[in-house]
Amino acid sequence: MIPTIVIVVIALAVVAWAVGLYNRLAGGRVRADEAWSDIDVQMKRRHDLIPQIVETVKGYAGHEKEALERVIQARSAAVGATGVAERAQAESFLGQALGKLFALAEAYPDLKANQNFLHLQEALVETEERIGSSRRFYNGNVRDYNLLTVTFPSNVIAGSFGFTKREFFELDDAEALAVRQPVAVKF
């Protein structure tokens, strides 16, 4: 009778351990999904600001059609992008196009002084900072989740129940920061 009780206790301990690991993996996946949702919200905010910026710039620099069209095309690509890698690439191109648009604005003193343009530019900078913060939060959650999916013994449970590694959200920082960098003024 005692050997049976010992076997049952060991079996229950193994099941409890497996359930605990499964729950940690499921929790990691949910935290990563939640963090991605935060990034998505901020990128939608960014995408909503861009048409307003383009319209404001059009009023002052309408003949700079090529730069405006690049921003519009980059925004469309970013809105339509799916998956982490494709979204990161599209957002990098959008950041690059916006950086060129803001550099172009330097040639138009009336535009630089326009309160609507300045407000939109500040809102975009704030949104870029929020995206960066959300990206760090997402990547931290993905790191923790991925660690569970590849380390023993949790990788056994992960493999058995279909938990797979997630992609990090990486932007080309040089391009993404183009919008946030102050423009150098040379005399």
C-alpha atoms as a PDB file:
ATOM      1  CA  MET A   1       0.000   0.000   0.000  1.00  0.00           C
ATOM      2  CA  ILE A   2       2.804   2.473   0.848  1.00  0.00           C
ATOM      3  CA  PRO A   3       4.577   2.012  -2.529  1.00  0.00           C
ATOM      4  CA  THR A   4       1.293   2.833  -4.284  1.00  0.00           C
ATOM      5  CA  ILE A   5       0.855   5.991  -2.212  1.00  0.00           C
ATOM      6  CA  VAL A   6       4.442   7.045  -2.958  1.00  0.00           C
ATOM      7  CA  ILE A   7       3.896   6.484  -6.702  1.00  0.00           C
ATOM      8  CA  VAL A   8       0.636   8.464  -6.617  1.00  0.00           C
ATOM      9  CA  VAL A   9       2.303  11.332  -4.697  1.00  0.00           C
ATOM     10  CA  ILE A  10       5.209  11.398  -7.177  1.00  0.00           C
ATOM     11  CA  ALA A  11       2.800  11.325 -10.117  1.00  0.00           C
ATOM     12  CA  LEU A  12       0.771  14.184  -8.624  1.00  0.00           C
ATOM     13  CA  ALA A  13       3.962  16.177  -8.024  1.00  0.00           C
ATOM     14  CA  VAL A  14       5.027  15.685 -11.663  1.00  0.00           C
ATOM     15  CA  VAL A  15       1.581  16.712 -12.907  1.00  0.00           C
ATOM     16  CA  ALA A  16       1.579  19.801 -10.638  1.00  0.00           C
ATOM     17  CA  TRP A  17       5.062  20.718 -11.892  1.00  0.00           C
ATOM     18  CA  ALA A  18       3.954  20.319 -15.545  1.00  0.00           C
ATOM     19  CA  VAL A  19       0.820  22.391 -14.951  1.00  0.00           C
ATOM     20  CA  GLY A  20       2.914  25.096 -13.305  1.00  0.00           C
ATOM     21  CA  LEU A  21       5.288  25.253 -16.277  1.00  0.00           C
ATOM     22  CA  TYR A  22       2.378  25.281 -18.715  1.00  0.00           C
ATOM     23  CA  ASN A  23       0.801  28.171 -16.820  1.00  0.00           C
ATOM     24  CA  ARG A  24       4.085  30.125 -16.835  1.00  0.00           C
ATOM     25  CA  LEU A  25       4.350  29.626 -20.608  1.00  0.00           C
ATOM     26  CA  ALA A  26       0.720  30.637 -21.149  1.00  0.00           C
ATOM     27  CA  GLY A  27       1.200  33.689 -18.934  1.00  0.00           C
ATOM     28  CA  GLY A  28       4.321  34.666 -20.888  1.00  0.00           C
ATOM     29  CA  ARG A  29       2.429  34.389 -24.155  1.00  0.00           C
ATOM     30  CA  VAL A  30      -0.406  36.548 -22.817  1.00  0.00           C
ATOM     31  CA  ARG A  31       2.047  39.195 -21.530  1.00  0.00           C
ATOM     32  CA  ALA A  32       3.765  39.278 -24.933  1.00  0.00           C
ATOM     33  CA  ASP A  33       0.385  39.677 -26.671  1.00  0.00           C
ATOM     34  CA  GLU A  34      -0.556  42.487 -24.304  1.00  0.00           C
ATOM     35  CA  ALA A  35       2.772  44.228 -24.890  1.00  0.00           C
ATOM     36  CA  TRP A  36       2.300  43.929 -28.675  1.00  0.00           C
ATOM     37  CA  SER A  37      -1.114  45.505 -28.293  1.00  0.00           C
ATOM     38  CA  ASP A  38       0.533  48.502 -26.588  1.00  0.00           C
ATOM     39  CA  ILE A  39       2.885  48.902 -29.557  1.00  0.00           C
ATOM     40  CA  ASP A  40      -0.022  48.576 -31.971  1.00  0.00           C
ATOM     41  CA  VAL A  41      -1.977  51.333 -30.211  1.00  0.00           C
ATOM     42  CA  GLN A  42       0.966  53.726 -30.396  1.00  0.00           C
ATOM     43  CA  MET A  43       1.647  52.946 -34.051  1.00  0.00           C
ATOM     44  CA  LYS A  44      -2.017  53.577 -34.888  1.00  0.00           C
ATOM     45  CA  ARG A  45      -1.726  56.930 -33.128  1.00  0.00           C
ATOM     46  CA  ARG A  46       1.360  57.669 -35.212  1.00  0.00           C
ATOM     47  CA  HIS A  47      -0.439  56.658 -38.396  1.00  0.00           C
ATOM     48  CA  ASP A  48      -3.357  58.934 -37.513  1.00  0.00           C
ATOM     49  CA  LEU A  49      -1.066  61.945 -37.019  1.00  0.00           C
ATOM     50  CA  ILE A  50       0.694  61.584 -40.367  1.00  0.00           C
ATOM     51  CA  PRO A  51      -2.167  62.691 -42.672  1.00  0.00           C
ATOM     52  CA  GLN A  52      -2.548  65.838 -40.562  1.00  0.00           C
ATOM     53  CA  ILE A  53       1.164  66.573 -40.855  1.00  0.00           C
ATOM     54  CA  VAL A  54       1.114  65.957 -44.606  1.00  0.00           C
ATOM     55  CA  GLU A  55      -1.860  68.320 -45.059  1.00  0.00           C
ATOM     56  CA  THR A  56      -0.135  71.021 -43.012  1.00  0.00           C
ATOM     57  CA  VAL A  57       3.083  70.686 -45.011  1.00  0.00           C
ATOM     58  CA  LYS A  58       1.110  70.700 -48.277  1.00  0.00           C
ATOM     59  CA  GLY A  59      -0.180  74.159 -47.437  1.00  0.00           C
ATOM     60  CA  TYR A  60       3.347  75.549 -47.263  1.00  0.00           C
ATOM     61  CA  ALA A  61       5.380  73.231 -49.449  1.00  0.00           C
ATOM     62  CA  GLY A  62       2.865  71.721 -51.854  1.00  0.00           C
ATOM     63  CA  HIS A  63       5.399  71.637 -54.651  1.00  0.00           C
ATOM     64  CA  GLU A  64       7.504  69.142 -52.640  1.00  0.00           C
ATOM     65  CA  LYS A  65       5.180  66.460 -53.939  1.00  0.00           C
ATOM     66  CA  GLU A  66       7.751  63.647 -54.016  1.00  0.00           C
ATOM     67  CA  ALA A  67       8.559  63.908 -50.304  1.00  0.00           C
ATOM     68  CA  LEU A  68       4.879  64.029 -49.399  1.00  0.00           C
ATOM     69  CA  GLU A  69       4.085  61.014 -51.573  1.00  0.00           C
ATOM     70  CA  ARG A  70       6.937  59.037 -49.970  1.00  0.00           C
ATOM     71  CA  VAL A  71       5.437  59.657 -46.534  1.00  0.00           C
ATOM     72  CA  ILE A  72       1.960  58.675 -47.725  1.00  0.00           C
ATOM     73  CA  GLN A  73       3.260  55.479 -49.357  1.00  0.00           C
ATOM     74  CA  ALA A  74       5.333  54.581 -46.297  1.00  0.00           C
ATOM     75  CA  ARG A  75       2.313  55.130 -44.046  1.00  0.00           C
ATOM     76  CA  SER A  76       0.161  52.898 -46.265  1.00  0.00           C
ATOM     77  CA  ALA A  77       2.794  50.168 -46.161  1.00  0.00           C
ATOM     78  CA  ALA A  78       3.050  50.449 -42.367  1.00  0.00           C
ATOM     79  CA  VAL A  79      -0.711  50.291 -41.892  1.00  0.00           C
ATOM     80  CA  GLY A  80      -0.945  47.208 -44.128  1.00  0.00           C
ATOM     81  CA  ALA A  81       2.059  45.379 -42.656  1.00  0.00           C
ATOM     82  CA  THR A  82       1.446  42.145 -40.791  1.00  0.00           C
ATOM     83  CA  GLY A  83       3.800  40.200 -38.597  1.00  0.00           C
ATOM     84  CA  VAL A  84       6.505  41.570 -36.373  1.00  0.00           C
ATOM     85  CA  ALA A  85       9.372  41.619 -38.899  1.00  0.00           C
ATOM     86  CA  GLU A  86       7.313  43.118 -41.741  1.00  0.00           C
ATOM     87  CA  ARG A  87       5.845  45.706 -39.373  1.00  0.00           C
ATOM     88  CA  ALA A  88       9.299  46.658 -38.080  1.00  0.00           C
ATOM     89  CA  GLN A  89      10.627  47.131 -41.608  1.00  0.00           C
ATOM     90  CA  ALA A  90       7.610  49.205 -42.669  1.00  0.00           C
ATOM     91  CA  GLU A  91       7.840  51.376 -39.556  1.00  0.00           C
ATOM     92  CA  SER A  92      11.552  51.953 -40.199  1.00  0.00           C
ATOM     93  CA  PHE A  93      10.802  53.167 -43.723  1.00  0.00           C
ATOM     94  CA  LEU A  94       8.059  55.398 -42.348  1.00  0.00           C
ATOM     95  CA  GLY A  95      10.444  56.874 -39.797  1.00  0.00           C
ATOM     96  CA  GLN A  96      12.962  57.556 -42.536  1.00  0.00           C
ATOM     97  CA  ALA A  97      10.334  59.266 -44.737  1.00  0.00           C
ATOM     98  CA  LEU A  98       9.145  61.393 -41.822  1.00  0.00           C
ATOM     99  CA  GLY A  99      12.713  62.381 -41.020  1.00  0.00           C
ATOM    100  CA  LYS A 100      13.159  63.620 -44.586  1.00  0.00           C
ATOM    101  CA  LEU A 101       9.844  65.482 -44.394  1.00  0.00           C
ATOM    102  CA  PHE A 102      10.882  67.277 -41.212  1.00  0.00           C
ATOM    103  CA  ALA A 103      14.273  68.079 -42.715  1.00  0.00           C
ATOM    104  CA  LEU A 104      12.425  69.550 -45.691  1.00  0.00           C
ATOM    105  CA  ALA A 105      10.393  71.716 -43.317  1.00  0.00           C
ATOM    106  CA  GLU A 106      13.606  73.501 -42.352  1.00  0.00           C
ATOM    107  CA  ALA A 107      13.564  75.211 -45.748  1.00  0.00           C
ATOM    108  CA  TYR A 108      10.186  76.821 -45.008  1.00  0.00           C
ATOM    109  CA  PRO A 109      10.349  79.318 -42.117  1.00  0.00           C
ATOM    110  CA  ASP A 110       6.590  79.951 -42.205  1.00  0.00           C
ATOM    111  CA  LEU A 111       5.944  76.233 -41.829  1.00  0.00           C
ATOM    112  CA  LYS A 112       8.423  75.924 -38.956  1.00  0.00           C
ATOM    113  CA  ALA A 113       6.595  78.741 -37.173  1.00  0.00           C
ATOM    114  CA  ASN A 114       3.102  77.344 -37.808  1.00  0.00           C
ATOM    115  CA  GLN A 115       1.521  76.420 -34.466  1.00  0.00           C
ATOM    116  CA  ASN A 116      -0.437  73.513 -35.943  1.00  0.00           C
ATOM    117  CA  PHE A 117       2.736  72.054 -37.461  1.00  0.00           C
ATOM    118  CA  LEU A 118       4.654  72.499 -34.195  1.00  0.00           C
ATOM    119  CA  HIS A 119       1.857  70.858 -32.233  1.00  0.00           C
ATOM    120  CA  LEU A 120       1.705  67.917 -34.645  1.00  0.00           C
ATOM    121  CA  GLN A 121       5.487  67.578 -34.572  1.00  0.00           C
ATOM    122  CA  GLU A 122       5.456  67.508 -30.745  1.00  0.00           C
ATOM    123  CA  ALA A 123       2.659  64.928 -30.744  1.00  0.00           C
ATOM    124  CA  LEU A 124       4.628  62.771 -33.165  1.00  0.00           C
ATOM    125  CA  VAL A 125       7.787  63.016 -31.051  1.00  0.00           C
ATOM    126  CA  GLU A 126       5.782  62.017 -27.977  1.00  0.00           C
ATOM    127  CA  THR A 127       4.286  59.088 -29.884  1.00  0.00           C
ATOM    128  CA  GLU A 128       7.751  57.984 -31.035  1.00  0.00           C
ATOM    129  CA  GLU A 129       8.881  57.981 -27.405  1.00  0.00           C
ATOM    130  CA  ARG A 130       5.849  55.908 -26.430  1.00  0.00           C
ATOM    131  CA  ILE A 131       6.581  53.442 -29.230  1.00  0.00           C
ATOM    132  CA  GLY A 132      10.151  53.103 -27.965  1.00  0.00           C
ATOM    133  CA  SER A 133       8.944  52.476 -24.433  1.00  0.00           C
ATOM    134  CA  SER A 134       6.321  49.984 -25.611  1.00  0.00           C
ATOM    135  CA  ARG A 135       8.921  48.260 -27.780  1.00  0.00           C
ATOM    136  CA  ARG A 136      11.259  47.803 -24.819  1.00  0.00           C
ATOM    137  CA  PHE A 137       8.383  46.414 -22.746  1.00  0.00           C
ATOM    138  CA  TYR A 138       7.358  44.027 -25.541  1.00  0.00           C
ATOM    139  CA  ASN A 139      10.910  42.846 -26.171  1.00  0.00           C
ATOM    140  CA  GLY A 140      11.414  42.218 -22.437  1.00  0.00           C
ATOM    141  CA  ASN A 141       8.280  40.079 -22.310  1.00  0.00           C
ATOM    142  CA  VAL A 142       9.296  38.233 -25.475  1.00  0.00           C
ATOM    143  CA  ARG A 143      12.758  37.618 -24.017  1.00  0.00           C
ATOM    144  CA  ASP A 144      11.277  36.095 -20.862  1.00  0.00           C
ATOM    145  CA  TYR A 145       8.796  33.997 -22.844  1.00  0.00           C
ATOM    146  CA  ASN A 146      11.434  32.820 -25.336  1.00  0.00           C
ATOM    147  CA  LEU A 147      13.715  31.862 -22.473  1.00  0.00           C
ATOM    148  CA  LEU A 148      11.007  29.561 -21.154  1.00  0.00           C
ATOM    149  CA  THR A 149      10.497  27.987 -24.581  1.00  0.00           C
ATOM    150  CA  VAL A 150      14.168  27.080 -25.033  1.00  0.00           C
ATOM    151  CA  THR A 151      15.429  26.164 -21.559  1.00  0.00           C
ATOM    152  CA  PHE A 152      15.112  22.758 -19.998  1.00  0.00           C
ATOM    153  CA  PRO A 153      12.768  21.518 -18.581  1.00  0.00           C
ATOM    154  CA  SER A 154      10.159  24.092 -19.683  1.00  0.00           C
ATOM    155  CA  ASN A 155      11.081  23.504 -23.340  1.00  0.00           C
ATOM    156  CA  VAL A 156       9.646  19.991 -23.021  1.00  0.00           C
ATOM    157  CA  ILE A 157       6.270  21.385 -22.017  1.00  0.00           C
ATOM    158  CA  ALA A 158       6.545  24.190 -24.605  1.00  0.00           C
ATOM    159  CA  GLY A 159       7.230  21.725 -27.404  1.00  0.00           C
ATOM    160  CA  SER A 160       4.462  19.406 -26.293  1.00  0.00           C
ATOM    161  CA  PHE A 161       1.818  22.134 -26.253  1.00  0.00           C
ATOM    162  CA  GLY A 162       2.878  24.197 -29.271  1.00  0.00           C
ATOM    163  CA  PHE A 163       4.484  27.179 -27.547  1.00  0.00           C
ATOM    164  CA  THR A 164       6.923  28.667 -30.058  1.00  0.00           C
ATOM    165  CA  LYS A 165       9.445  31.476 -29.875  1.00  0.00           C
ATOM    166  CA  ARG A 166       8.322  35.002 -30.690  1.00  0.00           C
ATOM    167  CA  GLU A 167      10.135  37.594 -32.786  1.00  0.00           C
ATOM    168  CA  PHE A 168      11.579  40.696 -31.209  1.00  0.00           C
ATOM    169  CA  PHE A 169      10.368  44.045 -32.537  1.00  0.00           C
ATOM    170  CA  GLU A 170      13.496  45.753 -33.810  1.00  0.00           C
ATOM    171  CA  LEU A 171      13.518  49.030 -35.665  1.00  0.00           C
ATOM    172  CA  ASP A 172      16.510  50.462 -37.434  1.00  0.00           C
ATOM    173  CA  ASP A 173      17.221  52.977 -34.685  1.00  0.00           C
ATOM    174  CA  ALA A 174      19.030  55.428 -36.941  1.00  0.00           C
ATOM    175  CA  GLU A 175      15.930  55.732 -39.123  1.00  0.00           C
ATOM    176  CA  ALA A 176      13.419  55.633 -36.302  1.00  0.00           C
ATOM    177  CA  LEU A 177      15.246  58.333 -34.393  1.00  0.00           C
ATOM    178  CA  ALA A 178      15.315  60.658 -37.395  1.00  0.00           C
ATOM    179  CA  VAL A 179      11.979  62.123 -36.328  1.00  0.00           C
ATOM    180  CA  ARG A 180      13.116  62.683 -32.751  1.00  0.00           C
ATOM    181  CA  GLN A 181      16.484  64.259 -33.435  1.00  0.00           C
ATOM    182  CA  PRO A 182      16.697  68.031 -33.188  1.00  0.00           C
ATOM    183  CA  VAL A 183      17.701  69.644 -36.423  1.00  0.00           C
ATOM    184  CA  ALA A 184      21.179  71.120 -36.410  1.00  0.00           C
ATOM    185  CA  VAL A 185      21.170  74.866 -36.910  1.00  0.00           C
ATOM    186  CA  LYS A 186      24.325  76.226 -38.517  1.00  0.00           C
ATOM    187  CA  PHE A 187      25.188  79.893 -38.802  1.00  0.00           C
END
